[in-house]
């Protein structure tokens, strides 16, 4: 089974290198991002599958969901995305 990695708001290339290291170890990695970190997760997935491991990786699954946000408003929802990337070779 792969590894779940939570994406925060950090530089895309820094995160992509961390994910690349995990893909070498585990073959499958799931990126999870919430709220404003979603564009970072999408960019990281694109960098890995289109640039770094172009012919030897693919996106297996993309799941979009929402859950209650921890904060001062009990009714607030936050968007979540999970992107599963697999190393094929």
PDB file of N, CA and C in Angstrom:
ATOM      1  N   UNK A   1       0.849  -1.180   0.000  1.00  0.00           N
ATOM      2  CA  UNK A   1       0.000   0.000   0.000  1.00  0.00           C
ATOM      3  C   UNK A   1       0.885   1.230   0.000  1.00  0.00           C
ATOM      4  N   UNK A   2       0.387   2.279  -0.558  1.00  0.00           N
ATOM      5  CA  UNK A   2       1.139   3.522  -0.660  1.00  0.00           C
ATOM      6  C   UNK A   2       1.120   4.325   0.620  1.00  0.00           C
ATOM      7  N   UNK A   3       1.614   5.495   0.508  1.00  0.00           N
ATOM      8  CA  UNK A   3       1.743   6.383   1.659  1.00  0.00           C
ATOM      9  C   UNK A   3       0.870   7.607   1.457  1.00  0.00           C
ATOM     10  N   UNK A   4       0.255   8.104   2.519  1.00  0.00           N
ATOM     11  CA  UNK A   4      -0.551   9.316   2.481  1.00  0.00           C
ATOM     12  C   UNK A   4       0.318  10.485   2.915  1.00  0.00           C
ATOM     13  N   UNK A   5       0.392  11.510   2.076  1.00  0.00           N
ATOM     14  CA  UNK A   5       1.181  12.698   2.369  1.00  0.00           C
ATOM     15  C   UNK A   5       0.266  13.908   2.309  1.00  0.00           C
ATOM     16  N   UNK A   6       0.255  14.682   3.380  1.00  0.00           N
ATOM     17  CA  UNK A   6      -0.564  15.887   3.452  1.00  0.00           C
ATOM     18  C   UNK A   6       0.242  17.049   2.883  1.00  0.00           C
ATOM     19  N   UNK A   7      -0.344  17.727   1.905  1.00  0.00           N
ATOM     20  CA  UNK A   7       0.305  18.857   1.246  1.00  0.00           C
ATOM     21  C   UNK A   7      -0.105  20.136   1.958  1.00  0.00           C
ATOM     22  N   UNK A   8       0.879  20.903   2.339  1.00  0.00           N
ATOM     23  CA  UNK A   8       0.636  22.215   2.948  1.00  0.00           C
ATOM     24  C   UNK A   8       1.032  23.274   1.931  1.00  0.00           C
ATOM     25  N   UNK A   9       0.895  24.517   2.288  1.00  0.00           N
ATOM     26  CA  UNK A   9       1.311  25.587   1.382  1.00  0.00           C
ATOM     27  C   UNK A   9       2.822  25.751   1.491  1.00  0.00           C
ATOM     28  N   UNK A  10       3.526  25.092   0.593  1.00  0.00           N
ATOM     29  CA  UNK A  10       4.977  25.143   0.531  1.00  0.00           C
ATOM     30  C   UNK A  10       5.374  25.195  -0.933  1.00  0.00           C
ATOM     31  N   UNK A  11       6.622  25.485  -1.230  1.00  0.00           N
ATOM     32  CA  UNK A  11       7.036  25.553  -2.636  1.00  0.00           C
ATOM     33  C   UNK A  11       6.772  24.237  -3.377  1.00  0.00           C
ATOM     34  N   UNK A  12       6.297  24.355  -4.601  1.00  0.00           N
ATOM     35  CA  UNK A  12       5.893  23.188  -5.393  1.00  0.00           C
ATOM     36  C   UNK A  12       7.066  22.245  -5.630  1.00  0.00           C
ATOM     37  N   UNK A  13       8.215  22.774  -6.031  1.00  0.00           N
ATOM     38  CA  UNK A  13       9.349  21.905  -6.340  1.00  0.00           C
ATOM     39  C   UNK A  13       9.883  21.202  -5.094  1.00  0.00           C
ATOM     40  N   UNK A  14       9.875  21.876  -3.975  1.00  0.00           N
ATOM     41  CA  UNK A  14      10.312  21.253  -2.718  1.00  0.00           C
ATOM     42  C   UNK A  14       9.410  20.072  -2.382  1.00  0.00           C
ATOM     43  N   UNK A  15       8.134  20.269  -2.522  1.00  0.00           N
ATOM     44  CA  UNK A  15       7.163  19.217  -2.249  1.00  0.00           C
ATOM     45  C   UNK A  15       7.288  18.080  -3.265  1.00  0.00           C
ATOM     46  N   UNK A  16       7.484  18.424  -4.530  1.00  0.00           N
ATOM     47  CA  UNK A  16       7.618  17.410  -5.579  1.00  0.00           C
ATOM     48  C   UNK A  16       8.829  16.515  -5.329  1.00  0.00           C
ATOM     49  N   UNK A  17       9.921  17.086  -4.864  1.00  0.00           N
ATOM     50  CA  UNK A  17      11.107  16.280  -4.558  1.00  0.00           C
ATOM     51  C   UNK A  17      10.846  15.337  -3.388  1.00  0.00           C
ATOM     52  N   UNK A  18      10.114  15.808  -2.393  1.00  0.00           N
ATOM     53  CA  UNK A  18       9.747  14.939  -1.270  1.00  0.00           C
ATOM     54  C   UNK A  18       8.865  13.779  -1.739  1.00  0.00           C
ATOM     55  N   UNK A  19       7.912  14.070  -2.605  1.00  0.00           N
ATOM     56  CA  UNK A  19       7.011  13.037  -3.131  1.00  0.00           C
ATOM     57  C   UNK A  19       7.787  12.049  -3.993  1.00  0.00           C
ATOM     58  N   UNK A  20       8.712  12.556  -4.784  1.00  0.00           N
ATOM     59  CA  UNK A  20       9.537  11.696  -5.636  1.00  0.00           C
ATOM     60  C   UNK A  20      10.319  10.692  -4.789  1.00  0.00           C
ATOM     61  N   UNK A  21      10.867  11.154  -3.678  1.00  0.00           N
ATOM     62  CA  UNK A  21      11.583  10.269  -2.763  1.00  0.00           C
ATOM     63  C   UNK A  21      10.660   9.178  -2.224  1.00  0.00           C
ATOM     64  N   UNK A  22       9.446   9.542  -1.876  1.00  0.00           N
ATOM     65  CA  UNK A  22       8.483   8.562  -1.367  1.00  0.00           C
ATOM     66  C   UNK A  22       8.060   7.574  -2.451  1.00  0.00           C
ATOM     67  N   UNK A  23       7.947   8.033  -3.685  1.00  0.00           N
ATOM     68  CA  UNK A  23       7.573   7.134  -4.787  1.00  0.00           C
ATOM     69  C   UNK A  23       8.639   6.073  -5.024  1.00  0.00           C
ATOM     70  N   UNK A  24       9.890   6.413  -4.816  1.00  0.00           N
ATOM     71  CA  UNK A  24      10.969   5.435  -4.967  1.00  0.00           C
ATOM     72  C   UNK A  24      10.820   4.332  -3.919  1.00  0.00           C
ATOM     73  N   UNK A  25      10.417   4.706  -2.712  1.00  0.00           N
ATOM     74  CA  UNK A  25      10.278   3.736  -1.622  1.00  0.00           C
ATOM     75  C   UNK A  25       8.993   2.920  -1.705  1.00  0.00           C
ATOM     76  N   UNK A  26       7.885   3.556  -2.062  1.00  0.00           N
ATOM     77  CA  UNK A  26       6.570   2.928  -1.899  1.00  0.00           C
ATOM     78  C   UNK A  26       5.812   2.596  -3.185  1.00  0.00           C
ATOM     79  N   UNK A  27       6.225   3.089  -4.319  1.00  0.00           N
ATOM     80  CA  UNK A  27       5.561   2.865  -5.620  1.00  0.00           C
ATOM     81  C   UNK A  27       4.223   3.586  -5.775  1.00  0.00           C
ATOM     82  N   UNK A  28       3.487   3.788  -4.688  1.00  0.00           N
ATOM     83  CA  UNK A  28       2.213   4.501  -4.744  1.00  0.00           C
ATOM     84  C   UNK A  28       2.153   5.507  -3.599  1.00  0.00           C
ATOM     85  N   UNK A  29       1.755   6.735  -3.934  1.00  0.00           N
ATOM     86  CA  UNK A  29       1.658   7.804  -2.945  1.00  0.00           C
ATOM     87  C   UNK A  29       0.333   8.524  -3.157  1.00  0.00           C
ATOM     88  N   UNK A  30      -0.347   8.852  -2.070  1.00  0.00           N
ATOM     89  CA  UNK A  30      -1.572   9.640  -2.141  1.00  0.00           C
ATOM     90  C   UNK A  30      -1.310  11.011  -1.544  1.00  0.00           C
ATOM     91  N   UNK A  31      -1.561  12.046  -2.340  1.00  0.00           N
ATOM     92  CA  UNK A  31      -1.433  13.421  -1.883  1.00  0.00           C
ATOM     93  C   UNK A  31      -2.791  13.869  -1.368  1.00  0.00           C
ATOM     94  N   UNK A  32      -2.814  14.476  -0.199  1.00  0.00           N
ATOM     95  CA  UNK A  32      -4.056  15.007   0.359  1.00  0.00           C
ATOM     96  C   UNK A  32      -3.849  16.484   0.635  1.00  0.00           C
ATOM     97  N   UNK A  33      -4.768  17.305   0.142  1.00  0.00           N
ATOM     98  CA  UNK A  33      -4.686  18.748   0.373  1.00  0.00           C
ATOM     99  C   UNK A  33      -6.060  19.271   0.747  1.00  0.00           C
ATOM    100  N   UNK A  34      -6.047  20.323   1.560  1.00  0.00           N
ATOM    101  CA  UNK A  34      -7.288  20.928   2.022  1.00  0.00           C
ATOM    102  C   UNK A  34      -7.283  22.416   1.707  1.00  0.00           C
ATOM    103  N   UNK A  35      -8.443  22.920   1.305  1.00  0.00           N
ATOM    104  CA  UNK A  35      -8.622  24.359   1.122  1.00  0.00           C
ATOM    105  C   UNK A  35      -7.659  24.990   0.140  1.00  0.00           C
ATOM    106  N   UNK A  36      -6.916  25.987   0.619  1.00  0.00           N
ATOM    107  CA  UNK A  36      -6.032  26.749  -0.256  1.00  0.00           C
ATOM    108  C   UNK A  36      -4.777  25.985  -0.658  1.00  0.00           C
ATOM    109  N   UNK A  37      -4.559  24.807  -0.113  1.00  0.00           N
ATOM    110  CA  UNK A  37      -3.418  23.976  -0.506  1.00  0.00           C
ATOM    111  C   UNK A  37      -3.724  23.100  -1.719  1.00  0.00           C
ATOM    112  N   UNK A  38      -4.974  23.067  -2.161  1.00  0.00           N
ATOM    113  CA  UNK A  38      -5.363  22.225  -3.297  1.00  0.00           C
ATOM    114  C   UNK A  38      -4.594  22.570  -4.571  1.00  0.00           C
ATOM    115  N   UNK A  39      -4.441  23.852  -4.953  1.00  0.00           N
ATOM    116  CA  UNK A  39      -3.661  24.144  -6.163  1.00  0.00           C
ATOM    117  C   UNK A  39      -2.213  23.661  -6.081  1.00  0.00           C
ATOM    118  N   UNK A  40      -1.635  23.678  -4.889  1.00  0.00           N
ATOM    119  CA  UNK A  40      -0.272  23.173  -4.712  1.00  0.00           C
ATOM    120  C   UNK A  40      -0.222  21.676  -4.978  1.00  0.00           C
ATOM    121  N   UNK A  41      -1.191  20.927  -4.471  1.00  0.00           N
ATOM    122  CA  UNK A  41      -1.229  19.479  -4.684  1.00  0.00           C
ATOM    123  C   UNK A  41      -1.398  19.141  -6.159  1.00  0.00           C
ATOM    124  N   UNK A  42      -2.250  19.877  -6.844  1.00  0.00           N
ATOM    125  CA  UNK A  42      -2.461  19.645  -8.280  1.00  0.00           C
ATOM    126  C   UNK A  42      -1.180  19.953  -9.053  1.00  0.00           C
ATOM    127  N   UNK A  43      -0.511  21.044  -8.705  1.00  0.00           N
ATOM    128  CA  UNK A  43       0.742  21.407  -9.374  1.00  0.00           C
ATOM    129  C   UNK A  43       1.821  20.361  -9.122  1.00  0.00           C
ATOM    130  N   UNK A  44       1.909  19.861  -7.906  1.00  0.00           N
ATOM    131  CA  UNK A  44       2.897  18.824  -7.578  1.00  0.00           C
ATOM    132  C   UNK A  44       2.625  17.560  -8.382  1.00  0.00           C
ATOM    133  N   UNK A  45       1.372  17.142  -8.451  1.00  0.00           N
ATOM    134  CA  UNK A  45       1.021  15.951  -9.228  1.00  0.00           C
ATOM    135  C   UNK A  45       1.381  16.135 -10.697  1.00  0.00           C
ATOM    136  N   UNK A  46       1.135  17.319 -11.240  1.00  0.00           N
ATOM    137  CA  UNK A  46       1.484  17.587 -12.635  1.00  0.00           C
ATOM    138  C   UNK A  46       2.987  17.589 -12.858  1.00  0.00           C
ATOM    139  N   UNK A  47       3.736  18.185 -11.960  1.00  0.00           N
ATOM    140  CA  UNK A  47       5.198  18.214 -12.096  1.00  0.00           C
ATOM    141  C   UNK A  47       5.758  16.799 -12.086  1.00  0.00           C
ATOM    142  N   UNK A  48       5.255  15.963 -11.193  1.00  0.00           N
ATOM    143  CA  UNK A  48       5.764  14.593 -11.105  1.00  0.00           C
ATOM    144  C   UNK A  48       5.391  13.783 -12.338  1.00  0.00           C
ATOM    145  N   UNK A  49       4.119  13.807 -12.739  1.00  0.00           N
ATOM    146  CA  UNK A  49       3.673  12.941 -13.835  1.00  0.00           C
ATOM    147  C   UNK A  49       4.022  13.474 -15.216  1.00  0.00           C
ATOM    148  N   UNK A  50       4.185  14.778 -15.369  1.00  0.00           N
ATOM    149  CA  UNK A  50       4.468  15.348 -16.688  1.00  0.00           C
ATOM    150  C   UNK A  50       5.935  15.712 -16.897  1.00  0.00           C
ATOM    151  N   UNK A  51       6.683  15.937 -15.820  1.00  0.00           N
ATOM    152  CA  UNK A  51       8.073  16.363 -15.973  1.00  0.00           C
ATOM    153  C   UNK A  51       9.063  15.361 -15.395  1.00  0.00           C
ATOM    154  N   UNK A  52       8.964  15.079 -14.124  1.00  0.00           N
ATOM    155  CA  UNK A  52       9.972  14.259 -13.452  1.00  0.00           C
ATOM    156  C   UNK A  52       9.911  12.784 -13.853  1.00  0.00           C
ATOM    157  N   UNK A  53       8.730  12.212 -13.855  1.00  0.00           N
ATOM    158  CA  UNK A  53       8.556  10.790 -14.184  1.00  0.00           C
ATOM    159  C   UNK A  53       7.561  10.641 -15.331  1.00  0.00           C
ATOM    160  N   UNK A  54       7.826  11.331 -16.412  1.00  0.00           N
ATOM    161  CA  UNK A  54       6.856  11.441 -17.505  1.00  0.00           C
ATOM    162  C   UNK A  54       6.368  10.090 -18.031  1.00  0.00           C
ATOM    163  N   UNK A  55       7.267   9.194 -18.330  1.00  0.00           N
ATOM    164  CA  UNK A  55       6.879   7.905 -18.920  1.00  0.00           C
ATOM    165  C   UNK A  55       6.740   6.792 -17.885  1.00  0.00           C
ATOM    166  N   UNK A  56       7.063   7.077 -16.638  1.00  0.00           N
ATOM    167  CA  UNK A  56       7.060   5.998 -15.654  1.00  0.00           C
ATOM    168  C   UNK A  56       6.176   6.278 -14.434  1.00  0.00           C
ATOM    169  N   UNK A  57       5.171   7.122 -14.614  1.00  0.00           N
ATOM    170  CA  UNK A  57       4.218   7.353 -13.527  1.00  0.00           C
ATOM    171  C   UNK A  57       2.859   7.697 -14.108  1.00  0.00           C
ATOM    172  N   UNK A  58       1.843   7.512 -13.287  1.00  0.00           N
ATOM    173  CA  UNK A  58       0.502   7.894 -13.723  1.00  0.00           C
ATOM    174  C   UNK A  58      -0.359   8.201 -12.508  1.00  0.00           C
ATOM    175  N   UNK A  59      -1.396   8.963 -12.756  1.00  0.00           N
ATOM    176  CA  UNK A  59      -2.362   9.274 -11.709  1.00  0.00           C
ATOM    177  C   UNK A  59      -3.416   8.171 -11.710  1.00  0.00           C
ATOM    178  N   UNK A  60      -3.531   7.474 -10.593  1.00  0.00           N
ATOM    179  CA  UNK A  60      -4.478   6.369 -10.486  1.00  0.00           C
ATOM    180  C   UNK A  60      -5.879   6.834 -10.128  1.00  0.00           C
ATOM    181  N   UNK A  61      -5.968   7.841  -9.251  1.00  0.00           N
ATOM    182  CA  UNK A  61      -7.277   8.246  -8.756  1.00  0.00           C
ATOM    183  C   UNK A  61      -7.233   9.690  -8.282  1.00  0.00           C
ATOM    184  N   UNK A  62      -8.345  10.381  -8.467  1.00  0.00           N
ATOM    185  CA  UNK A  62      -8.534  11.721  -7.919  1.00  0.00           C
ATOM    186  C   UNK A  62      -9.885  11.715  -7.210  1.00  0.00           C
ATOM    187  N   UNK A  63      -9.874  12.044  -5.929  1.00  0.00           N
ATOM    188  CA  UNK A  63     -11.105  12.094  -5.142  1.00  0.00           C
ATOM    189  C   UNK A  63     -11.273  13.497  -4.573  1.00  0.00           C
ATOM    190  N   UNK A  64     -12.477  14.035  -4.705  1.00  0.00           N
ATOM    191  CA  UNK A  64     -12.792  15.361  -4.179  1.00  0.00           C
ATOM    192  C   UNK A  64     -13.884  15.186  -3.128  1.00  0.00           C
ATOM    193  N   UNK A  65     -13.709  15.865  -2.004  1.00  0.00           N
ATOM    194  CA  UNK A  65     -14.654  15.725  -0.900  1.00  0.00           C
ATOM    195  C   UNK A  65     -14.654  17.019  -0.093  1.00  0.00           C
ATOM    196  N   UNK A  66     -15.449  17.050   0.948  1.00  0.00           N
ATOM    197  CA  UNK A  66     -15.435  18.175   1.885  1.00  0.00           C
ATOM    198  C   UNK A  66     -15.709  17.632   3.277  1.00  0.00           C
ATOM    199  N   UNK A  67     -15.223  18.357   4.263  1.00  0.00           N
ATOM    200  CA  UNK A  67     -15.495  17.971   5.644  1.00  0.00           C
ATOM    201  C   UNK A  67     -15.602  19.221   6.497  1.00  0.00           C
ATOM    202  N   UNK A  68     -16.113  19.058   7.691  1.00  0.00           N
ATOM    203  CA  UNK A  68     -16.267  20.192   8.597  1.00  0.00           C
ATOM    204  C   UNK A  68     -14.907  20.760   8.963  1.00  0.00           C
ATOM    205  N   UNK A  69     -14.813  22.065   8.902  1.00  0.00           N
ATOM    206  CA  UNK A  69     -13.563  22.740   9.234  1.00  0.00           C
ATOM    207  C   UNK A  69     -13.473  22.942  10.736  1.00  0.00           C
ATOM    208  N   UNK A  70     -12.280  22.801  11.262  1.00  0.00           N
ATOM    209  CA  UNK A  70     -12.047  23.145  12.661  1.00  0.00           C
ATOM    210  C   UNK A  70     -11.860  24.653  12.719  1.00  0.00           C
ATOM    211  N   UNK A  71     -12.636  25.297  13.495  1.00  0.00           N
ATOM    212  CA  UNK A  71     -12.530  26.746  13.564  1.00  0.00           C
ATOM    213  C   UNK A  71     -13.675  27.334  14.350  1.00  0.00           C
ATOM    214  N   UNK A  72     -13.874  28.620  14.163  1.00  0.00           N
ATOM    215  CA  UNK A  72     -14.883  29.279  14.982  1.00  0.00           C
ATOM    216  C   UNK A  72     -16.299  29.079  14.464  1.00  0.00           C
ATOM    217  N   UNK A  73     -16.465  28.640  13.210  1.00  0.00           N
ATOM    218  CA  UNK A  73     -17.800  28.395  12.664  1.00  0.00           C
ATOM    219  C   UNK A  73     -18.013  26.896  12.522  1.00  0.00           C
ATOM    220  N   UNK A  74     -19.009  26.371  13.202  1.00  0.00           N
ATOM    221  CA  UNK A  74     -19.253  24.927  13.185  1.00  0.00           C
ATOM    222  C   UNK A  74     -19.816  24.453  11.855  1.00  0.00           C
ATOM    223  N   UNK A  75     -20.413  25.346  11.087  1.00  0.00           N
ATOM    224  CA  UNK A  75     -21.061  24.941   9.842  1.00  0.00           C
ATOM    225  C   UNK A  75     -20.159  25.093   8.619  1.00  0.00           C
ATOM    226  N   UNK A  76     -18.956  25.560   8.793  1.00  0.00           N
ATOM    227  CA  UNK A  76     -18.058  25.786   7.659  1.00  0.00           C
ATOM    228  C   UNK A  76     -17.514  24.459   7.130  1.00  0.00           C
ATOM    229  N   UNK A  77     -17.474  24.329   5.818  1.00  0.00           N
ATOM    230  CA  UNK A  77     -16.904  23.155   5.167  1.00  0.00           C
ATOM    231  C   UNK A  77     -15.606  23.542   4.477  1.00  0.00           C
ATOM    232  N   UNK A  78     -14.688  22.605   4.435  1.00  0.00           N
ATOM    233  CA  UNK A  78     -13.438  22.823   3.719  1.00  0.00           C
ATOM    234  C   UNK A  78     -13.325  21.744   2.636  1.00  0.00           C
ATOM    235  N   UNK A  79     -12.895  22.145   1.449  1.00  0.00           N
ATOM    236  CA  UNK A  79     -12.731  21.209   0.337  1.00  0.00           C
ATOM    237  C   UNK A  79     -11.463  20.388   0.533  1.00  0.00           C
ATOM    238  N   UNK A  80     -11.523  19.148   0.062  1.00  0.00           N
ATOM    239  CA  UNK A  80     -10.385  18.232   0.175  1.00  0.00           C
ATOM    240  C   UNK A  80     -10.196  17.546  -1.170  1.00  0.00           C
ATOM    241  N   UNK A  81      -8.936  17.350  -1.553  1.00  0.00           N
ATOM    242  CA  UNK A  81      -8.630  16.560  -2.739  1.00  0.00           C
ATOM    243  C   UNK A  81      -7.596  15.513  -2.359  1.00  0.00           C
ATOM    244  N   UNK A  82      -7.765  14.315  -2.903  1.00  0.00           N
ATOM    245  CA  UNK A  82      -6.780  13.245  -2.738  1.00  0.00           C
ATOM    246  C   UNK A  82      -6.384  12.781  -4.133  1.00  0.00           C
ATOM    247  N   UNK A  83      -5.098  12.829  -4.417  1.00  0.00           N
ATOM    248  CA  UNK A  83      -4.566  12.433  -5.717  1.00  0.00           C
ATOM    249  C   UNK A  83      -3.617  11.265  -5.489  1.00  0.00           C
ATOM    250  N   UNK A  84      -3.904  10.122  -6.096  1.00  0.00           N
ATOM    251  CA  UNK A  84      -3.057   8.941  -5.952  1.00  0.00           C
ATOM    252  C   UNK A  84      -2.181   8.804  -7.188  1.00  0.00           C
ATOM    253  N   UNK A  85      -0.871   8.774  -6.954  1.00  0.00           N
ATOM    254  CA  UNK A  85       0.121   8.674  -8.028  1.00  0.00           C
ATOM    255  C   UNK A  85       0.844   7.345  -7.882  1.00  0.00           C
ATOM    256  N   UNK A  86       1.064   6.667  -9.003  1.00  0.00           N
ATOM    257  CA  UNK A  86       1.757   5.388  -9.009  1.00  0.00           C
ATOM    258  C   UNK A  86       2.975   5.459  -9.916  1.00  0.00           C
ATOM    259  N   UNK A  87       4.053   4.858  -9.469  1.00  0.00           N
ATOM    260  CA  UNK A  87       5.250   4.725 -10.300  1.00  0.00           C
ATOM    261  C   UNK A  87       5.123   3.407 -11.053  1.00  0.00           C
ATOM    262  N   UNK A  88       5.157   3.457 -12.377  1.00  0.00           N
ATOM    263  CA  UNK A  88       4.891   2.262 -13.174  1.00  0.00           C
ATOM    264  C   UNK A  88       6.132   1.434 -13.454  1.00  0.00           C
ATOM    265  N   UNK A  89       7.298   2.019 -13.465  1.00  0.00           N
ATOM    266  CA  UNK A  89       8.537   1.260 -13.740  1.00  0.00           C
ATOM    267  C   UNK A  89       9.396   1.191 -12.513  1.00  0.00           C
TER     268      UNK A  89
END
